[in-house]
N, C-alpha and C. Protein backbone atom coordinates (compact mmCIF):
# COMPACT_ATOMS: atom_id res chain seq x y z
N MET A 1 111.77 -84.52 -29.05
CA MET A 1 111.10 -85.45 -28.47
C MET A 1 110.23 -84.73 -27.25
N SER A 2 108.73 -85.25 -27.35
CA SER A 2 107.63 -83.98 -26.64
C SER A 2 108.10 -84.62 -24.92
N ASP A 3 107.77 -83.49 -24.46
CA ASP A 3 107.80 -83.48 -22.81
C ASP A 3 107.42 -84.79 -22.43
N GLY A 4 106.01 -85.10 -22.61
CA GLY A 4 105.50 -86.26 -22.21
C GLY A 4 106.56 -87.58 -22.56
N LEU A 5 107.15 -87.86 -23.85
CA LEU A 5 107.99 -89.00 -23.97
C LEU A 5 109.30 -88.75 -23.26
N VAL A 6 109.81 -87.55 -22.69
CA VAL A 6 110.95 -87.37 -22.37
C VAL A 6 110.52 -87.66 -20.73
N LYS A 7 109.40 -87.43 -20.03
CA LYS A 7 109.39 -87.79 -19.11
C LYS A 7 108.83 -89.24 -18.74
N ALA A 8 108.53 -89.98 -19.57
CA ALA A 8 108.16 -91.46 -19.71
C ALA A 8 109.41 -92.13 -19.97
N PHE A 9 110.44 -91.60 -20.28
CA PHE A 9 111.62 -92.30 -20.87
C PHE A 9 112.63 -92.36 -19.42
N ALA A 10 112.19 -91.07 -18.63
CA ALA A 10 113.19 -90.66 -17.37
C ALA A 10 112.52 -91.63 -16.23
N GLU A 11 111.69 -92.19 -16.38
CA GLU A 11 110.94 -92.90 -15.49
C GLU A 11 111.23 -94.32 -15.60
N PHE A 12 111.54 -94.82 -16.84
CA PHE A 12 112.21 -96.37 -17.08
C PHE A 12 113.31 -96.39 -17.13
N ARG A 13 114.48 -95.35 -17.13
CA ARG A 13 115.57 -95.37 -17.24
C ARG A 13 116.38 -95.26 -15.52
N GLU A 14 116.98 -96.78 -15.64
CA GLU A 14 117.67 -96.98 -14.01
C GLU A 14 118.37 -95.47 -13.70
N ILE A 15 118.21 -95.39 -12.38
CA ILE A 15 119.02 -94.01 -11.58
C ILE A 15 119.96 -94.94 -10.56
N HIS A 16 121.13 -94.39 -10.68
CA HIS A 16 122.06 -95.21 -9.90
C HIS A 16 122.48 -94.50 -8.49
N PRO A 17 122.67 -95.22 -7.69
CA PRO A 17 122.60 -94.70 -6.20
C PRO A 17 124.11 -94.08 -6.27
N ILE A 18 124.05 -93.20 -5.06
CA ILE A 18 125.59 -92.26 -5.03
C ILE A 18 126.19 -93.25 -3.87
N SER A 19 125.48 -94.18 -3.23
CA SER A 19 126.04 -95.27 -2.44
C SER A 19 124.97 -96.40 -1.96
N GLU A 20 125.56 -97.50 -2.01
CA GLU A 20 124.93 -98.77 -1.28
C GLU A 20 125.43 -99.48 -0.27
N LEU A 21 124.79 -100.05 0.62
CA LEU A 21 125.46 -100.77 1.47
C LEU A 21 124.21 -102.10 2.19
N THR A 22 124.70 -102.61 3.23
CA THR A 22 123.72 -103.44 3.72
C THR A 22 124.23 -103.54 5.72
N THR A 23 123.38 -103.33 5.99
CA THR A 23 123.71 -102.94 7.38
C THR A 23 123.98 -104.38 7.93
N ARG A 24 124.34 -104.09 9.25
CA ARG A 24 124.44 -105.54 9.91
C ARG A 24 123.31 -106.25 10.48
N GLY A 25 122.03 -105.20 10.80
CA GLY A 25 121.02 -105.97 10.78
C GLY A 25 119.98 -106.47 9.30
N GLY A 26 120.79 -106.34 8.26
CA GLY A 26 120.38 -106.86 7.00
C GLY A 26 119.63 -105.79 6.09
N MET A 27 119.68 -104.67 6.66
CA MET A 27 118.83 -103.49 5.97
C MET A 27 119.84 -103.35 4.62
N ARG A 28 119.20 -103.49 3.37
CA ARG A 28 119.49 -102.59 2.05
C ARG A 28 119.86 -101.33 2.00
N VAL A 29 120.62 -100.48 1.80
CA VAL A 29 120.28 -99.08 1.81
C VAL A 29 120.65 -98.51 0.28
N SER A 30 119.99 -97.82 -0.16
CA SER A 30 120.69 -97.03 -1.52
C SER A 30 120.14 -95.63 -1.15
N CYS A 31 121.16 -94.73 -1.43
CA CYS A 31 121.10 -93.41 -1.36
C CYS A 31 121.26 -92.62 -2.55
N TYR A 32 120.44 -91.94 -3.03
CA TYR A 32 120.53 -91.21 -4.34
C TYR A 32 120.48 -89.46 -3.81
N ALA A 33 120.80 -88.84 -4.94
CA ALA A 33 121.04 -87.47 -4.61
C ALA A 33 119.82 -86.60 -5.86
N MET A 34 118.51 -87.04 -5.51
CA MET A 34 117.65 -86.41 -6.34
C MET A 34 116.51 -85.80 -5.34
N PRO A 35 115.70 -84.86 -6.03
CA PRO A 35 114.43 -84.61 -5.60
C PRO A 35 113.41 -85.71 -4.97
N ILE A 36 112.60 -85.18 -4.02
CA ILE A 36 111.55 -86.79 -3.55
C ILE A 36 110.32 -86.71 -4.44
N ASP A 37 109.99 -85.79 -5.10
CA ASP A 37 109.05 -85.79 -6.25
C ASP A 37 109.21 -86.70 -7.44
N ARG A 38 110.52 -87.24 -7.44
CA ARG A 38 111.08 -88.38 -8.48
C ARG A 38 110.73 -89.87 -8.19
N VAL A 39 110.33 -89.78 -6.85
CA VAL A 39 110.05 -91.17 -6.29
C VAL A 39 108.66 -91.52 -5.81
N PRO A 40 108.16 -92.62 -6.25
CA PRO A 40 106.86 -92.59 -5.46
C PRO A 40 106.61 -93.22 -4.14
N ALA A 41 106.70 -91.79 -3.50
CA ALA A 41 106.62 -92.47 -1.85
C ALA A 41 105.23 -91.94 -1.48
N ASP A 42 104.82 -92.56 -0.15
CA ASP A 42 103.69 -92.58 0.35
C ASP A 42 104.14 -92.25 1.80
N PHE A 43 104.17 -90.97 2.00
CA PHE A 43 104.90 -90.83 3.65
C PHE A 43 103.51 -90.74 4.67
N PHE A 44 102.51 -91.22 4.58
CA PHE A 44 101.37 -91.97 5.04
C PHE A 44 101.23 -93.07 5.39
N ALA A 45 102.27 -94.13 4.73
CA ALA A 45 102.41 -95.54 4.65
C ALA A 45 103.40 -95.59 5.83
N ASP A 46 103.58 -96.90 6.14
CA ASP A 46 104.44 -97.65 6.96
C ASP A 46 105.31 -98.27 5.95
N PRO A 47 106.53 -98.32 6.16
CA PRO A 47 107.16 -99.50 5.36
C PRO A 47 107.11 -100.83 5.78
N ASP A 48 107.60 -101.90 5.12
CA ASP A 48 107.44 -103.17 5.20
C ASP A 48 108.76 -103.51 6.00
N GLY A 49 108.47 -104.68 6.69
CA GLY A 49 109.55 -105.58 7.37
C GLY A 49 109.77 -104.84 8.80
N ARG A 50 110.87 -105.29 9.26
CA ARG A 50 111.18 -105.30 10.61
C ARG A 50 112.13 -103.40 10.69
N TRP A 51 111.90 -102.71 11.52
CA TRP A 51 112.25 -101.49 11.73
C TRP A 51 111.95 -100.80 12.79
N THR A 52 112.76 -99.66 13.17
CA THR A 52 112.23 -98.58 14.07
C THR A 52 112.68 -97.40 13.39
N TYR A 53 112.07 -96.11 13.60
CA TYR A 53 112.33 -94.83 13.30
C TYR A 53 113.77 -94.44 13.37
N GLU A 54 114.48 -94.99 14.26
CA GLU A 54 115.85 -94.71 14.83
C GLU A 54 116.83 -95.33 13.92
N SER A 55 116.21 -96.69 13.61
CA SER A 55 117.00 -97.68 13.12
C SER A 55 117.09 -97.07 11.28
N LEU A 56 115.82 -96.73 10.87
CA LEU A 56 115.86 -96.00 9.44
C LEU A 56 116.73 -94.68 9.25
N ALA A 57 116.65 -94.14 10.16
CA ALA A 57 117.18 -92.65 10.37
C ALA A 57 118.88 -92.96 10.07
N ARG A 58 119.18 -93.70 10.90
CA ARG A 58 120.82 -94.20 11.03
C ARG A 58 121.16 -94.99 10.12
N ALA A 59 120.31 -95.71 9.39
CA ALA A 59 120.64 -96.55 8.11
C ALA A 59 120.91 -95.55 6.95
N ALA A 60 120.26 -94.56 6.96
CA ALA A 60 120.23 -93.35 5.78
C ALA A 60 121.26 -92.68 5.94
N GLY A 61 121.78 -92.65 7.33
CA GLY A 61 122.73 -91.58 7.50
C GLY A 61 122.36 -90.23 7.74
N PHE A 62 121.28 -90.00 8.25
CA PHE A 62 120.83 -88.70 8.68
C PHE A 62 120.58 -88.80 9.94
N GLY A 63 120.71 -87.74 11.05
CA GLY A 63 120.34 -87.77 12.17
C GLY A 63 118.78 -87.67 12.11
N SER A 64 118.51 -87.98 13.45
CA SER A 64 116.69 -87.92 13.60
C SER A 64 116.10 -86.98 13.55
N ASN A 65 116.89 -85.56 13.65
CA ASN A 65 115.83 -84.46 13.43
C ASN A 65 115.51 -84.20 11.74
N GLY A 66 114.34 -83.72 11.25
CA GLY A 66 114.00 -83.36 10.45
C GLY A 66 113.96 -84.46 9.08
N VAL A 67 113.56 -85.92 9.60
CA VAL A 67 113.49 -86.82 8.83
C VAL A 67 112.00 -87.25 8.43
N ALA A 68 111.94 -87.76 7.37
CA ALA A 68 110.58 -88.08 7.12
C ALA A 68 110.69 -89.33 6.67
N ILE A 69 110.02 -90.39 7.09
CA ILE A 69 109.86 -91.42 6.56
C ILE A 69 108.37 -92.22 6.09
N GLY A 70 108.45 -92.87 4.84
CA GLY A 70 107.40 -93.35 4.19
C GLY A 70 107.79 -94.39 3.52
N ALA A 71 106.89 -94.98 2.68
CA ALA A 71 107.15 -96.03 1.84
C ALA A 71 106.75 -96.06 0.30
N LEU A 72 107.34 -96.50 -0.25
CA LEU A 72 107.44 -96.95 -1.96
C LEU A 72 106.01 -97.28 -2.16
N LYS A 73 105.10 -96.47 -3.07
CA LYS A 73 103.83 -96.91 -3.36
C LYS A 73 103.71 -98.15 -4.45
N HIS A 74 104.61 -98.09 -5.11
CA HIS A 74 104.84 -99.25 -6.09
C HIS A 74 106.44 -99.75 -6.22
N ASP A 75 107.06 -100.59 -7.21
CA ASP A 75 108.08 -100.93 -7.48
C ASP A 75 108.63 -99.39 -8.11
N PHE A 76 109.98 -99.31 -7.55
CA PHE A 76 110.87 -98.20 -8.18
C PHE A 76 112.33 -98.29 -8.17
N ASN A 77 112.54 -98.50 -9.58
CA ASN A 77 114.41 -98.45 -9.64
C ASN A 77 114.93 -99.89 -9.03
N GLY A 78 114.16 -101.07 -9.04
CA GLY A 78 114.66 -102.34 -8.53
C GLY A 78 114.21 -102.54 -7.26
N HIS A 79 113.88 -101.61 -6.30
CA HIS A 79 113.24 -101.83 -5.02
C HIS A 79 111.99 -101.88 -5.09
N PRO A 80 111.34 -102.83 -4.04
CA PRO A 80 110.14 -103.41 -4.10
C PRO A 80 109.15 -102.37 -3.54
N GLU A 81 107.79 -102.54 -3.91
CA GLU A 81 106.76 -101.81 -3.20
C GLU A 81 106.74 -101.97 -1.68
N GLY A 82 106.55 -100.96 -1.10
CA GLY A 82 106.65 -101.10 0.49
C GLY A 82 108.07 -100.84 1.10
N ALA A 83 108.94 -101.01 0.28
CA ALA A 83 110.50 -100.35 0.88
C ALA A 83 110.52 -98.98 1.32
N ALA A 84 111.11 -98.79 2.46
CA ALA A 84 111.23 -97.43 3.22
C ALA A 84 111.82 -96.14 2.48
N VAL A 85 111.18 -95.46 2.41
CA VAL A 85 111.88 -94.30 1.66
C VAL A 85 111.83 -93.10 2.86
N VAL A 86 113.32 -92.79 3.03
CA VAL A 86 113.74 -92.04 4.27
C VAL A 86 114.31 -90.47 3.47
N THR A 87 113.91 -89.38 3.93
CA THR A 87 114.64 -88.29 3.44
C THR A 87 114.55 -87.00 4.42
N LEU A 88 115.54 -86.10 3.87
CA LEU A 88 115.25 -85.06 4.86
C LEU A 88 114.32 -83.93 4.46
N ASN A 89 114.14 -83.30 5.47
CA ASN A 89 112.48 -82.38 5.22
C ASN A 89 113.45 -80.95 5.04
N SER A 90 113.96 -81.16 3.58
CA SER A 90 114.85 -79.72 3.29
C SER A 90 114.95 -79.95 1.69
N GLU A 91 114.31 -78.94 1.01
CA GLU A 91 114.69 -78.65 -0.53
C GLU A 91 116.25 -78.31 -1.04
N ALA A 92 116.92 -77.71 -0.14
CA ALA A 92 118.49 -77.32 -0.26
C ALA A 92 119.27 -78.54 -0.04
N ARG A 93 118.84 -79.53 0.35
CA ARG A 93 119.43 -80.85 0.35
C ARG A 93 118.73 -82.20 -0.08
N PRO A 94 118.62 -82.33 -1.60
CA PRO A 94 117.58 -83.52 -1.71
C PRO A 94 118.29 -84.80 -1.49
N TYR A 95 118.39 -85.41 -0.91
CA TYR A 95 119.14 -86.66 -0.36
C TYR A 95 117.82 -87.44 0.15
N ILE A 96 117.85 -88.83 -0.70
CA ILE A 96 116.87 -89.89 -0.24
C ILE A 96 117.55 -91.23 -0.27
N ALA A 97 116.96 -92.10 0.74
CA ALA A 97 117.56 -93.30 0.98
C ALA A 97 116.49 -93.97 0.76
N ILE A 98 116.47 -95.24 0.30
CA ILE A 98 115.49 -96.09 -0.13
C ILE A 98 116.13 -97.49 0.73
N ILE A 99 115.59 -97.95 1.55
CA ILE A 99 115.65 -98.64 2.40
C ILE A 99 114.80 -100.36 2.50
N GLU A 100 115.55 -101.49 2.02
CA GLU A 100 114.63 -102.67 2.18
C GLU A 100 114.98 -103.11 3.37
N CYS A 101 113.99 -103.49 4.12
CA CYS A 101 113.95 -103.89 5.53
C CYS A 101 113.90 -105.30 5.68
N PRO A 102 114.62 -105.95 6.55
CA PRO A 102 114.42 -107.35 6.66
C PRO A 102 113.18 -107.85 7.00
N ILE A 103 112.11 -108.73 6.50
CA ILE A 103 110.98 -109.22 6.78
C ILE A 103 110.78 -110.05 8.26
N ALA A 104 109.93 -109.48 9.14
CA ALA A 104 109.88 -110.38 10.31
C ALA A 104 108.68 -111.70 9.93
N TYR A 105 109.37 -112.62 10.78
CA TYR A 105 108.82 -113.86 10.81
C TYR A 105 109.18 -114.98 11.86
N SER A 106 108.07 -116.09 11.73
CA SER A 106 108.36 -116.84 12.86
C SER A 106 108.73 -118.23 12.17
N TYR A 107 109.33 -118.75 12.90
CA TYR A 107 110.11 -120.19 12.30
C TYR A 107 109.28 -121.09 13.21
N VAL A 108 108.58 -121.94 12.74
CA VAL A 108 108.01 -123.35 13.51
C VAL A 108 108.93 -124.47 13.59
N ALA A 109 109.48 -124.67 14.56
CA ALA A 109 110.50 -125.61 14.75
C ALA A 109 109.89 -127.15 14.18
N ASP A 110 108.74 -127.23 14.98
CA ASP A 110 108.44 -128.68 14.88
C ASP A 110 106.44 -128.60 14.51
N ALA A 111 106.61 -128.55 13.26
CA ALA A 111 105.11 -128.06 12.59
C ALA A 111 104.15 -129.72 12.96
N GLY A 112 104.97 -130.88 13.12
CA GLY A 112 104.60 -132.04 13.11
C GLY A 112 103.49 -132.37 14.62
N ARG A 113 103.82 -131.36 15.45
CA ARG A 113 103.21 -131.54 16.70
C ARG A 113 102.17 -130.63 17.08
N VAL A 114 101.65 -130.12 16.28
CA VAL A 114 100.69 -129.06 16.33
C VAL A 114 99.17 -129.85 15.67
N GLU A 115 98.40 -130.23 16.67
CA GLU A 115 97.15 -130.85 16.05
C GLU A 115 95.78 -129.87 15.99
N ILE A 116 95.29 -130.46 15.04
CA ILE A 116 94.22 -129.01 15.19
C ILE A 116 92.70 -129.99 14.83
N SER A 117 91.86 -129.69 15.79
CA SER A 117 90.25 -130.66 16.03
C SER A 117 89.44 -129.77 15.77
N ALA A 118 88.24 -130.45 15.22
CA ALA A 118 86.92 -129.38 15.08
C ALA A 118 86.21 -130.07 16.12
N ALA A 119 85.41 -129.03 17.08
CA ALA A 119 84.59 -129.32 17.82
C ALA A 119 83.06 -129.57 17.19
């Protein structure tokens, strides 16, 4: 098999996480032992949903020092585009957490009371 075919096959093969959990706040966390260059991450982008830097680092199981946070550029291994990518800034410890954060939304209890008029 040529290198191109092997790489293409590896990109479509499911990668199994070493651990998965859901936090009390609703974050779905999947941890992987692999280098960051295998994940389509953008570290200049903010993840979708409701989160803080500390909550993502804590959910990933990393301390808050030496952690980089970004977002998936596109769907990856069953995770949606925009999910948080949390990694340690260390080549010696290639651990990555992909975290799907709860979506922030507002619930309108009585939509019938809202009136719209044009002037």
